[in-house]
Amino acid sequence: MQTRELNLILLDVQLIGDVSGYDLLNIITQEPSLEDLQVVRMDFNELSENKFFLVKTGANDYLIKPIQVFKLESILIRYLSKNDFYNDQMLI
């Protein structure tokens, strides 16, 4: 089995199931091996734009749904290197 290094997670905090998106975000931010992982919250909640709320949840940034393509592109450019865009094994 091949392991891959993740650089960025787009996390929809409105997950349905046993674990909420906020719980998953908490798990990710508490895991030392994932400290370099960038997490971008996706949410319908306008509070996501509040930087204090963003830091409190442990995310690096946010996107408000419905997602606007130019904002997603801006996030990807901000947090990913050129090598990530041109890697033929990019996980999408």
C-alpha atoms as a PDB file:
ATOM      1  CA  MET A   1       0.000   0.000   0.000  1.00  0.00           C
ATOM      2  CA  GLN A   2       1.349   3.395  -1.004  1.00  0.00           C
ATOM      3  CA  THR A   3       1.097   6.273   1.454  1.00  0.00           C
ATOM      4  CA  ARG A   4       0.420   9.790   0.282  1.00  0.00           C
ATOM      5  CA  GLU A   5       1.082  13.022   2.015  1.00  0.00           C
ATOM      6  CA  LEU A   6      -1.945  15.285   2.200  1.00  0.00           C
ATOM      7  CA  ASN A   7      -1.388  19.022   2.047  1.00  0.00           C
ATOM      8  CA  LEU A   8      -4.943  20.298   2.238  1.00  0.00           C
ATOM      9  CA  ILE A   9      -8.374  19.082   3.313  1.00  0.00           C
ATOM     10  CA  LEU A  10     -11.621  20.739   2.279  1.00  0.00           C
ATOM     11  CA  LEU A  11     -13.829  19.785   5.199  1.00  0.00           C
ATOM     12  CA  ASP A  12     -17.592  20.159   5.027  1.00  0.00           C
ATOM     13  CA  VAL A  13     -18.574  20.698   8.659  1.00  0.00           C
ATOM     14  CA  GLN A  14     -22.169  19.690   7.916  1.00  0.00           C
ATOM     15  CA  LEU A  15     -21.282  15.991   7.772  1.00  0.00           C
ATOM     16  CA  ILE A  16     -24.041  13.487   8.358  1.00  0.00           C
ATOM     17  CA  GLY A  17     -23.193  10.484  10.508  1.00  0.00           C
ATOM     18  CA  ASP A  18     -21.693   9.555  13.826  1.00  0.00           C
ATOM     19  CA  VAL A  19     -18.950  12.203  13.707  1.00  0.00           C
ATOM     20  CA  SER A  20     -19.678  15.858  12.977  1.00  0.00           C
ATOM     21  CA  GLY A  21     -17.367  17.962  10.859  1.00  0.00           C
ATOM     22  CA  TYR A  22     -16.411  19.922  13.968  1.00  0.00           C
ATOM     23  CA  ASP A  23     -15.551  16.679  15.790  1.00  0.00           C
ATOM     24  CA  LEU A  24     -13.444  15.568  12.834  1.00  0.00           C
ATOM     25  CA  LEU A  25     -11.719  18.955  12.730  1.00  0.00           C
ATOM     26  CA  ASN A  26     -10.925  18.599  16.431  1.00  0.00           C
ATOM     27  CA  ILE A  27      -9.474  15.116  15.844  1.00  0.00           C
ATOM     28  CA  ILE A  28      -7.320  16.415  12.974  1.00  0.00           C
ATOM     29  CA  THR A  29      -5.985  19.394  14.940  1.00  0.00           C
ATOM     30  CA  GLN A  30      -5.136  17.216  17.967  1.00  0.00           C
ATOM     31  CA  GLU A  31      -3.091  14.740  15.902  1.00  0.00           C
ATOM     32  CA  PRO A  32       0.627  15.747  16.013  1.00  0.00           C
ATOM     33  CA  SER A  33       1.422  13.964  12.732  1.00  0.00           C
ATOM     34  CA  LEU A  34      -1.084  16.242  10.942  1.00  0.00           C
ATOM     35  CA  GLU A  35       0.189  19.569  12.276  1.00  0.00           C
ATOM     36  CA  ASP A  36       1.309  20.728   8.803  1.00  0.00           C
ATOM     37  CA  LEU A  37      -2.012  19.826   7.194  1.00  0.00           C
ATOM     38  CA  GLN A  38      -4.051  22.811   6.025  1.00  0.00           C
ATOM     39  CA  VAL A  39      -7.773  22.528   6.783  1.00  0.00           C
ATOM     40  CA  VAL A  40     -10.330  24.657   4.987  1.00  0.00           C
ATOM     41  CA  ARG A  41     -13.829  24.570   6.480  1.00  0.00           C
ATOM     42  CA  MET A  42     -16.807  24.566   4.160  1.00  0.00           C
ATOM     43  CA  ASP A  43     -19.984  25.779   5.798  1.00  0.00           C
ATOM     44  CA  PHE A  44     -23.291  27.536   5.193  1.00  0.00           C
ATOM     45  CA  ASN A  45     -22.720  29.496   8.391  1.00  0.00           C
ATOM     46  CA  GLU A  46     -21.782  33.147   7.860  1.00  0.00           C
ATOM     47  CA  LEU A  47     -19.976  33.063  11.237  1.00  0.00           C
ATOM     48  CA  SER A  48     -17.224  31.242   9.354  1.00  0.00           C
ATOM     49  CA  GLU A  49     -16.075  34.634   8.119  1.00  0.00           C
ATOM     50  CA  ASN A  50     -15.292  35.674  11.698  1.00  0.00           C
ATOM     51  CA  LYS A  51     -11.544  35.116  12.175  1.00  0.00           C
ATOM     52  CA  PHE A  52     -11.942  34.433  15.902  1.00  0.00           C
ATOM     53  CA  PHE A  53     -14.478  31.691  15.134  1.00  0.00           C
ATOM     54  CA  LEU A  54     -12.133  30.296  12.481  1.00  0.00           C
ATOM     55  CA  VAL A  55      -9.155  30.082  14.851  1.00  0.00           C
ATOM     56  CA  LYS A  56     -11.331  28.669  17.635  1.00  0.00           C
ATOM     57  CA  THR A  57     -12.396  25.756  15.421  1.00  0.00           C
ATOM     58  CA  GLY A  58      -8.808  24.988  14.367  1.00  0.00           C
ATOM     59  CA  ALA A  59      -9.223  25.609  10.641  1.00  0.00           C
ATOM     60  CA  ASN A  60      -6.767  27.577   8.529  1.00  0.00           C
ATOM     61  CA  ASP A  61      -9.418  29.143   6.328  1.00  0.00           C
ATOM     62  CA  TYR A  62     -13.043  28.837   5.235  1.00  0.00           C
ATOM     63  CA  LEU A  63     -15.352  28.706   2.243  1.00  0.00           C
ATOM     64  CA  ILE A  64     -19.025  29.633   2.460  1.00  0.00           C
ATOM     65  CA  LYS A  65     -21.400  27.354   0.536  1.00  0.00           C
ATOM     66  CA  PRO A  66     -22.424  27.537  -2.187  1.00  0.00           C
ATOM     67  CA  ILE A  67     -18.767  27.750  -3.127  1.00  0.00           C
ATOM     68  CA  GLN A  68     -17.706  30.323  -5.681  1.00  0.00           C
ATOM     69  CA  VAL A  69     -15.056  28.971  -8.056  1.00  0.00           C
ATOM     70  CA  PHE A  70     -12.800  32.024  -7.832  1.00  0.00           C
ATOM     71  CA  LYS A  71     -12.738  31.731  -4.012  1.00  0.00           C
ATOM     72  CA  LEU A  72     -11.860  28.036  -4.194  1.00  0.00           C
ATOM     73  CA  GLU A  73      -9.102  28.841  -6.673  1.00  0.00           C
ATOM     74  CA  SER A  74      -7.770  31.541  -4.351  1.00  0.00           C
ATOM     75  CA  ILE A  75      -7.670  29.079  -1.427  1.00  0.00           C
ATOM     76  CA  LEU A  76      -5.854  26.450  -3.490  1.00  0.00           C
ATOM     77  CA  ILE A  77      -3.262  28.953  -4.670  1.00  0.00           C
ATOM     78  CA  ARG A  78      -2.772  30.253  -1.119  1.00  0.00           C
ATOM     79  CA  TYR A  79      -2.165  26.861   0.507  1.00  0.00           C
ATOM     80  CA  LEU A  80      -0.713  24.642  -2.185  1.00  0.00           C
ATOM     81  CA  SER A  81       2.662  24.893  -3.866  1.00  0.00           C
ATOM     82  CA  LYS A  82       3.211  24.793  -7.623  1.00  0.00           C
ATOM     83  CA  ASN A  83       4.462  21.223  -7.233  1.00  0.00           C
ATOM     84  CA  ASP A  84       1.069  20.180  -5.856  1.00  0.00           C
ATOM     85  CA  PHE A  85      -0.682  21.474  -8.976  1.00  0.00           C
ATOM     86  CA  TYR A  86       1.672  19.756 -11.396  1.00  0.00           C
ATOM     87  CA  ASN A  87       2.036  16.450  -9.573  1.00  0.00           C
ATOM     88  CA  ASP A  88       0.647  13.692 -11.796  1.00  0.00           C
ATOM     89  CA  GLN A  89      -0.523  11.837  -8.675  1.00  0.00           C
ATOM     90  CA  MET A  90      -2.635  14.693  -7.332  1.00  0.00           C
ATOM     91  CA  LEU A  91      -5.551  13.283  -5.391  1.00  0.00           C
ATOM     92  CA  ILE A  92      -8.824  14.943  -6.402  1.00  0.00           C
END
